[in-house]
Amino acid sequence: MEISLDKHSANQALIKIKLNEADYQPKVDAKLKDYAKKANIKGFRPGKAPVSMVKNMYGTSVLVEEINTILGDSLNSYLKEQTFKILGEPLPVEKENDSIDWKTQKDFDFEYKIGFVENISIPLDKKFKGTKYSIKVDDKLVNETIENLKSQSGKSTNPEVSEAGDHIYGDLNATESGFTKTVSLDLSKITKKLAGKFTGISKEAIVEFDAKDVKKGQWEEAFGLSEEEAAGIEGAITFTVKNINRTEAAEMNQEFFDKIFGPDVVKTEEEFVAKVKETLQGNYDRESKVFTEEELKKTLTESAKVELPEEFLKEWLLRANEGKVTQEDVDKEFPIYAKQLTWSLISNHLATENKIQAEHEDVIAKTKEMIREQFASSGLGSQMEDSMDMFVDNYLKGEEGQNYMNMLTSVQNDKVLAYVQETIDLKEKEISIDQFKELLEK
């Protein structure tokens, strides 16, 4: 047997395997003799059929099976000896007009495409710069949140005369485009000038305005129209009021406190404000942690300069998902796949180089944390703690064990990113929520 490697680019190569009769025939003969001992062929007692007859009946299929086994074992062993990291799976080269004659052919040549990466290098020290973002929850955000909570928990009424901030229910009619629809208009989400036309009016009032008075995005956000509906509206508009909906803000009392945080968690307005701020800060701490880590991933990726075998990977993805995806699907989704694969390679490299390992106990702890967060959002957290082990076990066994592997990978990523932050020069930067939103939009 001969195996050779032909690198034709920095990250793609061709593996050539040559087999001669001595490589496979002894195993084929042994398998046929074993078949002969067990074969039940008409006209012969069990196990007494001649080997030559068994060979005529099963020889080709046994030959194909043994050669495929030899190819698989040899290819895997050869690849394990290489220093580079194989991506995907080797792809057999499909040759045109070159069919194999299994009956007479003695020597066989096979070729496989492979994609790989090598020499991943990420020197981590204090020369490596990073930023740890911290979002500051200020009084403005706290007050806005409290007002929203009061509005959401308030009582709904239907006043006779409208005011700023009301929702106006009625019939929208764009005569030029022939569009009509019954909508609920949120006055807080249109311009003050246009909202002025809807304040101080009563049921059955008809408000006239022009489509150009509605700014970009307000048809969808304020009127609840789809993008397609909004795109066709132009010219003069009439709005016939059918009802006025208003939510009276809830009072800052114990009933309101209990509704938001549960019975007797807070008992005074001061405690309520402090609890809102604490909750907001906790939420934004998690968001800033995720953002910090994503920015670090970008920096690490740029530093590692991993060059993926894009052409090979696209072909492999198409073949591996044959019938499920098209070339267009692969091309469209490849940037996302490439980003995830690159980070996986970097994370595994850093974990190996620095002996970072995800332990079973870490997987259990992280899964419990995830489940607690899910239950907390439904208000059932404290009630489910006694059954936590059962929930964890059921989740990790789900998807035929894939959930466990995904969580194991997640734990490793957490540990790798924690190590990176401890090792590099990480500067803390406090930002406002508005600055954070600007960063997200970039």
Protein backbone atom coordinates (compact mmCIF):
# COMPACT_ATOMS: atom_id res chain seq x y z
CA MET A 1 0.00 0.00 0.00
CA GLU A 2 1.17 3.50 -0.81
CA ILE A 3 -0.23 6.68 0.79
CA SER A 4 0.91 10.11 -0.31
CA LEU A 5 -0.09 13.67 0.45
CA ASP A 6 -0.26 16.36 -2.23
CA LYS A 7 -0.71 19.84 -0.73
CA HIS A 8 -2.02 22.16 -3.39
CA SER A 9 -2.73 25.15 -1.14
CA ALA A 10 -2.09 26.37 2.40
CA ASN A 11 -5.14 24.53 3.74
CA GLN A 12 -6.26 21.95 1.18
CA ALA A 13 -4.64 18.74 -0.04
CA LEU A 14 -5.18 15.49 -1.89
CA ILE A 15 -4.47 12.11 -0.28
CA LYS A 16 -3.67 9.33 -2.74
CA ILE A 17 -3.92 5.68 -1.72
CA LYS A 18 -2.68 2.81 -3.92
CA LEU A 19 -3.69 -0.77 -3.08
CA ASN A 20 -2.29 -3.91 -4.67
CA GLU A 21 -3.54 -7.47 -4.40
CA ALA A 22 -1.31 -8.29 -1.43
CA ASP A 23 -2.94 -5.57 0.61
CA TYR A 24 -6.44 -6.99 0.51
CA GLN A 25 -6.53 -10.55 -0.91
CA PRO A 26 -5.54 -12.42 2.31
CA LYS A 27 -8.40 -10.75 4.18
CA VAL A 28 -10.83 -11.42 1.33
CA ASP A 29 -9.84 -15.11 1.23
CA ALA A 30 -10.21 -15.43 5.00
CA LYS A 31 -13.64 -13.84 4.92
CA LEU A 32 -14.79 -16.14 2.07
CA LYS A 33 -13.60 -19.24 3.96
CA ASP A 34 -15.58 -18.03 6.97
CA TYR A 35 -18.62 -17.54 4.72
CA ALA A 36 -18.19 -21.08 3.35
CA LYS A 37 -18.28 -22.53 6.87
CA LYS A 38 -21.60 -20.83 7.58
CA ALA A 39 -23.27 -20.69 4.15
CA ASN A 40 -26.55 -22.51 3.64
CA ILE A 41 -26.64 -23.17 -0.13
CA LYS A 42 -29.24 -25.33 -1.84
CA GLY A 43 -27.83 -28.72 -2.79
CA PHE A 44 -25.14 -28.71 -0.10
CA ARG A 45 -25.15 -29.48 3.56
CA PRO A 46 -24.68 -26.36 5.76
CA GLY A 47 -21.02 -25.31 5.63
CA LYS A 48 -20.08 -27.85 2.93
CA ALA A 49 -20.39 -25.64 -0.17
CA PRO A 50 -17.12 -25.25 -2.13
CA VAL A 51 -15.19 -22.05 -1.51
CA SER A 52 -15.12 -21.43 -5.26
CA MET A 53 -18.93 -21.39 -5.37
CA VAL A 54 -19.05 -19.07 -2.37
CA LYS A 55 -16.50 -16.84 -4.12
CA ASN A 56 -18.64 -16.65 -7.26
CA MET A 57 -21.67 -15.72 -5.19
CA TYR A 58 -20.13 -13.35 -2.65
CA GLY A 59 -16.62 -12.56 -3.87
CA THR A 60 -17.30 -9.09 -5.30
CA SER A 61 -19.28 -7.86 -2.30
CA VAL A 62 -16.64 -9.18 0.13
CA LEU A 63 -13.89 -7.53 -1.94
CA VAL A 64 -15.66 -4.16 -1.89
CA GLU A 65 -16.32 -4.45 1.82
CA GLU A 66 -12.74 -5.32 2.71
CA ILE A 67 -11.24 -2.62 0.51
CA ASN A 68 -13.53 0.00 2.03
CA THR A 69 -12.51 -1.18 5.52
CA ILE A 70 -8.81 -1.02 4.62
CA LEU A 71 -9.24 2.44 3.09
CA GLY A 72 -11.09 3.77 6.15
CA ASP A 73 -8.59 2.36 8.65
CA SER A 74 -5.55 3.44 6.65
CA LEU A 75 -6.88 6.93 6.04
CA ASN A 76 -7.74 7.47 9.71
CA SER A 77 -4.35 6.19 10.88
CA TYR A 78 -2.52 8.37 8.37
CA LEU A 79 -4.41 11.51 9.33
CA LYS A 80 -3.78 10.91 13.05
CA GLU A 81 -0.05 11.03 12.34
CA GLN A 82 -0.25 14.50 10.77
CA THR A 83 0.43 17.71 12.67
CA PHE A 84 -2.36 19.70 11.06
CA LYS A 85 -6.00 19.79 12.18
CA ILE A 86 -8.43 18.09 9.79
CA LEU A 87 -11.72 19.91 9.17
CA GLY A 88 -14.88 18.11 8.17
CA GLU A 89 -14.37 14.66 6.65
CA PRO A 90 -12.18 13.47 3.74
CA LEU A 91 -14.13 13.64 0.47
CA PRO A 92 -13.66 10.82 -2.09
CA VAL A 93 -12.71 12.24 -5.46
CA GLU A 94 -15.34 11.32 -8.01
CA LYS A 95 -13.63 10.58 -11.32
CA GLU A 96 -15.49 10.75 -14.61
CA ASN A 97 -15.39 7.74 -16.95
CA ASP A 98 -13.17 5.80 -14.58
CA SER A 99 -15.36 3.05 -13.13
CA ILE A 100 -13.73 0.22 -11.21
CA ASP A 101 -13.85 -3.29 -12.65
CA TRP A 102 -14.23 -5.31 -9.45
CA LYS A 103 -14.20 -8.62 -11.35
CA THR A 104 -10.79 -8.35 -13.00
CA GLN A 105 -8.93 -5.36 -11.55
CA LYS A 106 -6.06 -6.16 -9.17
CA ASP A 107 -4.59 -2.73 -8.32
CA PHE A 108 -6.69 0.19 -7.15
CA ASP A 109 -6.08 3.94 -6.87
CA PHE A 110 -8.17 6.17 -4.63
CA GLU A 111 -8.03 9.91 -3.94
CA TYR A 112 -9.52 11.99 -1.13
CA LYS A 113 -9.79 15.75 -0.73
CA ILE A 114 -9.05 17.12 2.72
CA GLY A 115 -9.24 20.56 4.30
CA PHE A 116 -7.14 21.52 7.30
CA VAL A 117 -5.55 24.26 9.36
CA GLU A 118 -2.16 24.32 10.99
CA ASN A 119 0.10 26.54 13.05
CA ILE A 120 -2.57 28.30 15.13
CA SER A 121 -0.63 30.78 17.25
CA ILE A 122 -2.07 33.14 19.87
CA PRO A 123 0.59 34.57 22.20
CA LEU A 124 -1.26 35.75 25.31
CA ASP A 125 0.49 38.16 27.66
CA LYS A 126 0.10 41.70 28.98
CA LYS A 127 0.92 43.08 25.53
CA PHE A 128 -2.40 41.68 24.35
CA LYS A 129 -5.03 44.40 24.88
CA GLY A 130 -8.72 43.97 25.66
CA THR A 131 -11.65 45.90 27.10
CA LYS A 132 -14.05 44.80 29.81
CA TYR A 133 -17.26 46.76 29.50
CA SER A 134 -19.41 47.69 32.48
CA ILE A 135 -22.85 49.26 31.96
CA LYS A 136 -23.85 51.82 34.56
CA VAL A 137 -27.51 51.90 35.50
CA ASP A 138 -28.30 55.57 36.16
CA ASP A 139 -31.30 57.24 37.78
CA LYS A 140 -32.79 58.12 34.38
CA LEU A 141 -32.99 54.47 33.37
CA VAL A 142 -34.39 53.47 36.78
CA ASN A 143 -37.10 56.13 36.59
CA GLU A 144 -38.03 55.17 33.01
CA THR A 145 -38.27 51.53 34.03
CA ILE A 146 -40.49 52.34 37.01
CA GLU A 147 -42.81 54.43 34.83
CA ASN A 148 -43.07 51.56 32.36
CA LEU A 149 -43.85 49.11 35.16
CA LYS A 150 -46.52 51.43 36.53
CA SER A 151 -48.04 51.78 33.07
CA GLN A 152 -48.00 48.02 32.43
CA SER A 153 -49.62 47.32 35.79
CA GLY A 154 -52.17 50.12 35.60
CA LYS A 155 -55.89 49.93 34.91
CA SER A 156 -57.25 50.37 31.39
CA THR A 157 -59.98 52.94 30.76
CA ASN A 158 -61.88 54.32 27.77
CA PRO A 159 -62.14 58.10 28.26
CA GLU A 160 -64.38 60.31 26.16
CA VAL A 161 -61.59 62.73 25.17
CA SER A 162 -58.06 61.72 24.14
CA GLU A 163 -54.78 62.87 25.69
CA ALA A 164 -51.10 62.50 24.82
CA GLY A 165 -49.92 58.91 25.29
CA ASP A 166 -53.30 57.29 24.60
CA HIS A 167 -53.94 54.49 22.13
CA ILE A 168 -56.48 55.46 19.48
CA TYR A 169 -58.47 52.61 17.97
CA GLY A 170 -60.03 53.28 14.59
CA ASP A 171 -60.20 52.93 10.81
CA LEU A 172 -57.20 54.04 8.72
CA ASN A 173 -58.03 54.95 5.11
CA ALA A 174 -55.49 55.90 2.42
CA THR A 175 -57.70 56.90 -0.50
CA GLU A 176 -54.99 57.29 -3.15
CA SER A 177 -53.53 53.81 -2.61
CA GLY A 178 -56.90 52.22 -1.79
CA PHE A 179 -55.63 50.89 1.55
CA THR A 180 -57.93 50.53 4.57
CA LYS A 181 -57.32 48.83 7.89
CA THR A 182 -58.55 48.98 11.47
CA VAL A 183 -55.59 49.74 13.72
CA SER A 184 -54.62 50.77 17.23
CA LEU A 185 -52.41 53.87 17.11
CA ASP A 186 -49.87 54.46 19.89
CA LEU A 187 -49.60 58.24 20.19
CA SER A 188 -46.30 58.00 22.06
CA LYS A 189 -44.59 56.56 18.97
CA ILE A 190 -45.38 59.26 16.38
CA THR A 191 -44.09 62.82 16.09
CA LYS A 192 -45.43 65.38 18.57
CA LYS A 193 -46.81 67.42 15.68
CA LEU A 194 -48.87 64.51 14.33
CA ALA A 195 -49.85 63.33 17.81
CA GLY A 196 -51.29 66.80 18.43
CA LYS A 197 -53.98 66.10 15.81
CA PHE A 198 -55.10 63.09 17.84
CA THR A 199 -55.31 64.79 21.25
CA GLY A 200 -58.43 66.47 22.57
CA ILE A 201 -60.72 64.49 20.23
CA SER A 202 -63.56 62.04 20.92
CA LYS A 203 -65.14 58.98 19.33
CA GLU A 204 -66.25 59.27 15.68
CA ALA A 205 -63.84 62.15 15.11
CA ILE A 206 -62.11 62.09 11.72
CA VAL A 207 -58.45 63.07 11.68
CA GLU A 208 -56.88 64.08 8.37
CA PHE A 209 -53.14 64.02 7.65
CA ASP A 210 -50.68 63.13 4.91
CA ALA A 211 -48.61 59.98 4.58
CA LYS A 212 -45.42 62.07 4.61
CA ASP A 213 -46.29 63.17 8.18
CA VAL A 214 -45.46 59.63 9.33
CA LYS A 215 -41.70 59.12 9.69
CA LYS A 216 -39.73 56.03 8.71
CA GLY A 217 -40.59 53.03 10.85
CA GLN A 218 -43.61 54.65 12.50
CA TRP A 219 -46.14 52.89 10.26
CA GLU A 220 -44.89 49.62 11.69
CA GLU A 221 -44.11 50.70 15.25
CA ALA A 222 -47.02 53.07 15.96
CA PHE A 223 -49.77 51.87 13.59
CA GLY A 224 -48.85 48.16 13.65
CA LEU A 225 -48.63 47.77 9.87
CA SER A 226 -46.35 45.33 8.07
CA GLU A 227 -43.47 46.60 5.93
CA GLU A 228 -45.37 45.58 2.80
CA GLU A 229 -48.49 47.48 3.89
CA ALA A 230 -46.49 50.58 4.82
CA ALA A 231 -44.62 50.62 1.52
CA GLY A 232 -47.81 51.15 -0.48
CA ILE A 233 -49.28 54.05 1.52
CA GLU A 234 -49.05 57.57 0.10
CA GLY A 235 -51.02 60.80 -0.14
CA ALA A 236 -53.97 61.92 1.97
CA ILE A 237 -55.00 59.82 4.97
CA THR A 238 -58.14 59.81 7.11
CA PHE A 239 -58.44 58.16 10.50
CA THR A 240 -61.94 57.60 11.96
CA VAL A 241 -61.79 57.21 15.75
CA LYS A 242 -63.77 54.26 17.15
CA ASN A 243 -62.44 54.14 20.68
CA ILE A 244 -59.87 55.72 23.02
CA ASN A 245 -57.78 53.46 25.24
CA ARG A 246 -55.82 54.76 28.20
CA THR A 247 -53.83 53.01 30.88
CA GLU A 248 -53.81 54.77 34.25
CA ALA A 249 -50.47 54.33 35.98
CA ALA A 250 -50.47 52.05 39.02
CA GLU A 251 -49.95 53.62 42.43
CA MET A 252 -46.73 53.02 44.32
CA ASN A 253 -48.25 50.87 47.06
CA GLN A 254 -47.81 47.39 48.54
CA GLU A 255 -50.14 45.80 45.98
CA PHE A 256 -47.92 47.14 43.16
CA PHE A 257 -44.70 46.12 44.93
CA ASP A 258 -46.01 42.58 45.45
CA LYS A 259 -47.16 42.30 41.85
CA ILE A 260 -43.70 43.17 40.53
CA PHE A 261 -41.39 41.34 42.96
CA GLY A 262 -43.62 38.94 44.89
CA PRO A 263 -45.26 39.16 48.34
CA ASP A 264 -43.39 41.27 50.88
CA VAL A 265 -40.06 41.27 49.00
CA VAL A 266 -40.04 45.06 49.29
CA LYS A 267 -42.20 47.15 51.60
CA THR A 268 -41.33 50.77 50.94
CA GLU A 269 -40.91 52.99 47.90
CA GLU A 270 -37.21 53.34 48.68
CA GLU A 271 -36.78 49.56 48.81
CA PHE A 272 -38.71 49.24 45.55
CA VAL A 273 -36.48 51.73 43.73
CA ALA A 274 -33.37 49.99 45.08
CA LYS A 275 -34.69 46.60 43.99
CA VAL A 276 -35.46 47.87 40.48
CA LYS A 277 -31.93 49.28 40.22
CA GLU A 278 -30.41 46.03 41.51
CA THR A 279 -32.43 43.97 39.02
CA LEU A 280 -31.52 46.24 36.12
CA GLN A 281 -27.85 46.17 37.08
CA GLY A 282 -27.89 42.38 37.23
CA ASN A 283 -29.46 42.15 33.79
CA TYR A 284 -27.01 44.62 32.26
CA ASP A 285 -24.07 42.96 34.00
CA ARG A 286 -24.97 39.78 32.13
CA GLU A 287 -25.36 41.69 28.85
CA SER A 288 -22.04 43.51 29.28
CA LYS A 289 -20.33 40.20 30.12
CA VAL A 290 -21.63 38.63 26.90
CA PHE A 291 -20.63 41.71 24.90
CA THR A 292 -17.14 41.75 26.44
CA GLU A 293 -16.65 38.09 25.57
CA GLU A 294 -17.87 38.53 21.99
CA GLU A 295 -15.46 41.43 21.51
CA LEU A 296 -12.62 39.32 22.93
CA LYS A 297 -13.52 36.54 20.50
CA LYS A 298 -13.23 39.01 17.62
CA THR A 299 -9.83 40.20 18.84
CA LEU A 300 -8.55 36.66 19.34
CA THR A 301 -9.79 35.64 15.89
CA GLU A 302 -8.03 38.59 14.26
CA SER A 303 -4.86 37.78 16.15
CA ALA A 304 -4.87 34.07 15.26
CA LYS A 305 -5.46 34.75 11.54
CA VAL A 306 -6.95 31.31 10.94
CA GLU A 307 -7.33 30.68 7.20
CA LEU A 308 -10.14 28.20 6.55
CA PRO A 309 -10.34 26.01 3.42
CA GLU A 310 -13.53 27.69 2.27
CA GLU A 311 -13.90 25.87 -1.06
CA PHE A 312 -13.45 22.46 0.59
CA LEU A 313 -15.75 23.20 3.52
CA LYS A 314 -18.57 24.37 1.25
CA GLU A 315 -18.30 21.17 -0.78
CA TRP A 316 -18.21 19.07 2.39
CA LEU A 317 -21.26 20.83 3.86
CA LEU A 318 -23.17 20.30 0.63
CA ARG A 319 -22.28 16.60 0.45
CA ALA A 320 -22.82 15.96 4.16
CA ASN A 321 -26.30 17.48 3.94
CA GLU A 322 -27.15 16.15 0.50
CA GLY A 323 -30.82 16.64 -0.31
CA LYS A 324 -31.34 18.91 2.69
CA VAL A 325 -29.55 22.07 1.53
CA THR A 326 -28.68 23.72 -1.77
CA GLN A 327 -25.48 25.43 -2.87
CA GLU A 328 -27.28 28.73 -2.36
CA ASP A 329 -28.11 27.75 1.24
CA VAL A 330 -24.48 26.83 1.92
CA ASP A 331 -23.15 30.09 0.42
CA LYS A 332 -25.62 32.14 2.46
CA GLU A 333 -24.98 30.44 5.81
CA PHE A 334 -21.24 29.88 5.39
CA PRO A 335 -20.08 33.16 7.04
CA ILE A 336 -21.91 32.19 10.24
CA TYR A 337 -20.55 28.64 10.11
CA ALA A 338 -17.01 29.91 9.45
CA LYS A 339 -17.19 32.27 12.42
CA GLN A 340 -18.32 29.47 14.75
CA LEU A 341 -15.73 27.03 13.41
CA THR A 342 -12.90 29.54 13.74
CA TRP A 343 -13.76 30.26 17.36
CA SER A 344 -14.04 26.53 18.09
CA LEU A 345 -10.54 25.98 16.70
CA ILE A 346 -9.14 28.86 18.76
CA SER A 347 -10.91 27.75 21.94
CA ASN A 348 -9.68 24.16 21.55
CA HIS A 349 -6.13 25.38 20.85
CA LEU A 350 -6.05 27.59 23.95
CA ALA A 351 -7.61 24.83 26.07
CA THR A 352 -4.99 22.31 24.94
CA GLU A 353 -2.04 24.71 25.25
CA ASN A 354 -3.03 25.81 28.76
CA LYS A 355 -4.44 22.51 30.07
CA ILE A 356 -7.95 23.93 30.44
CA GLN A 357 -10.55 21.21 30.82
CA ALA A 358 -14.32 21.20 31.30
CA GLU A 359 -15.26 18.82 34.11
CA HIS A 360 -18.53 16.94 34.58
CA GLU A 361 -19.25 18.93 37.73
CA ASP A 362 -18.92 22.16 35.73
CA VAL A 363 -21.50 20.90 33.23
CA ILE A 364 -23.95 20.08 36.02
CA ALA A 365 -23.46 23.50 37.67
CA LYS A 366 -23.91 25.42 34.41
CA THR A 367 -27.03 23.44 33.51
CA LYS A 368 -28.53 24.18 36.92
CA GLU A 369 -27.81 27.88 36.43
CA MET A 370 -29.51 27.84 33.02
CA ILE A 371 -32.60 26.04 34.36
CA ARG A 372 -32.86 28.37 37.37
CA GLU A 373 -32.88 31.38 35.04
CA GLN A 374 -35.63 29.80 32.93
CA PHE A 375 -37.75 29.06 35.98
CA ALA A 376 -37.09 32.48 37.50
CA SER A 377 -38.53 34.20 34.43
CA SER A 378 -41.73 32.19 34.91
CA GLY A 379 -41.90 32.92 38.64
CA LEU A 380 -41.47 29.23 39.54
CA GLY A 381 -37.80 29.20 40.57
CA SER A 382 -38.16 28.48 44.29
CA GLN A 383 -40.82 25.81 43.71
CA MET A 384 -38.66 23.80 41.30
CA GLU A 385 -35.43 23.54 43.33
CA ASP A 386 -36.41 20.19 44.90
CA SER A 387 -36.74 18.64 41.43
CA MET A 388 -33.61 20.30 40.03
CA ASP A 389 -31.56 17.08 39.67
CA MET A 390 -34.34 15.49 37.61
CA PHE A 391 -34.57 18.52 35.31
CA VAL A 392 -30.79 18.57 34.83
CA ASP A 393 -30.64 14.85 34.07
CA ASN A 394 -33.51 15.02 31.57
CA TYR A 395 -32.00 18.01 29.78
CA LEU A 396 -28.48 16.59 29.48
CA LYS A 397 -29.81 13.29 28.10
CA GLY A 398 -31.88 15.13 25.50
CA GLU A 399 -31.15 15.10 21.76
CA GLU A 400 -29.39 11.73 22.18
CA GLY A 401 -26.75 13.26 24.43
CA GLN A 402 -26.01 16.23 22.18
CA ASN A 403 -27.22 18.63 24.89
CA TYR A 404 -24.47 17.32 27.18
CA MET A 405 -21.80 17.83 24.51
CA ASN A 406 -23.07 21.34 23.77
CA MET A 407 -22.94 22.23 27.46
CA LEU A 408 -19.45 20.72 27.75
CA THR A 409 -18.31 22.97 24.90
CA SER A 410 -19.98 25.97 26.54
CA VAL A 411 -18.17 25.31 29.82
CA GLN A 412 -14.83 25.04 28.00
CA ASN A 413 -15.47 28.35 26.24
CA ASP A 414 -16.28 29.98 29.59
CA LYS A 415 -13.03 28.71 31.09
CA VAL A 416 -10.97 29.72 28.07
CA LEU A 417 -12.39 33.25 28.08
CA ALA A 418 -11.85 33.53 31.84
CA TYR A 419 -8.22 32.48 31.35
CA VAL A 420 -7.78 35.01 28.55
CA GLN A 421 -9.12 37.84 30.70
CA GLU A 422 -6.77 36.89 33.56
CA THR A 423 -3.76 36.74 31.23
CA ILE A 424 -4.04 39.78 28.97
CA ASP A 425 -4.05 43.50 29.69
CA LEU A 426 -7.81 43.96 30.26
CA LYS A 427 -8.92 47.53 30.89
CA GLU A 428 -12.33 48.19 32.46
CA LYS A 429 -14.54 50.75 30.76
CA GLU A 430 -17.78 52.01 32.28
CA ILE A 431 -20.43 53.02 29.72
CA SER A 432 -24.02 54.23 29.80
CA ILE A 433 -26.91 52.24 28.38
CA ASP A 434 -27.08 54.64 25.43
CA GLN A 435 -23.37 54.11 24.69
CA PHE A 436 -23.93 50.36 24.93
CA LYS A 437 -26.74 50.52 22.38
CA GLU A 438 -24.48 52.48 20.04
CA LEU A 439 -21.79 49.81 20.33
CA LEU A 440 -24.32 47.09 19.51
CA GLU A 441 -25.37 48.94 16.36
CA LYS A 442 -21.83 49.11 14.97
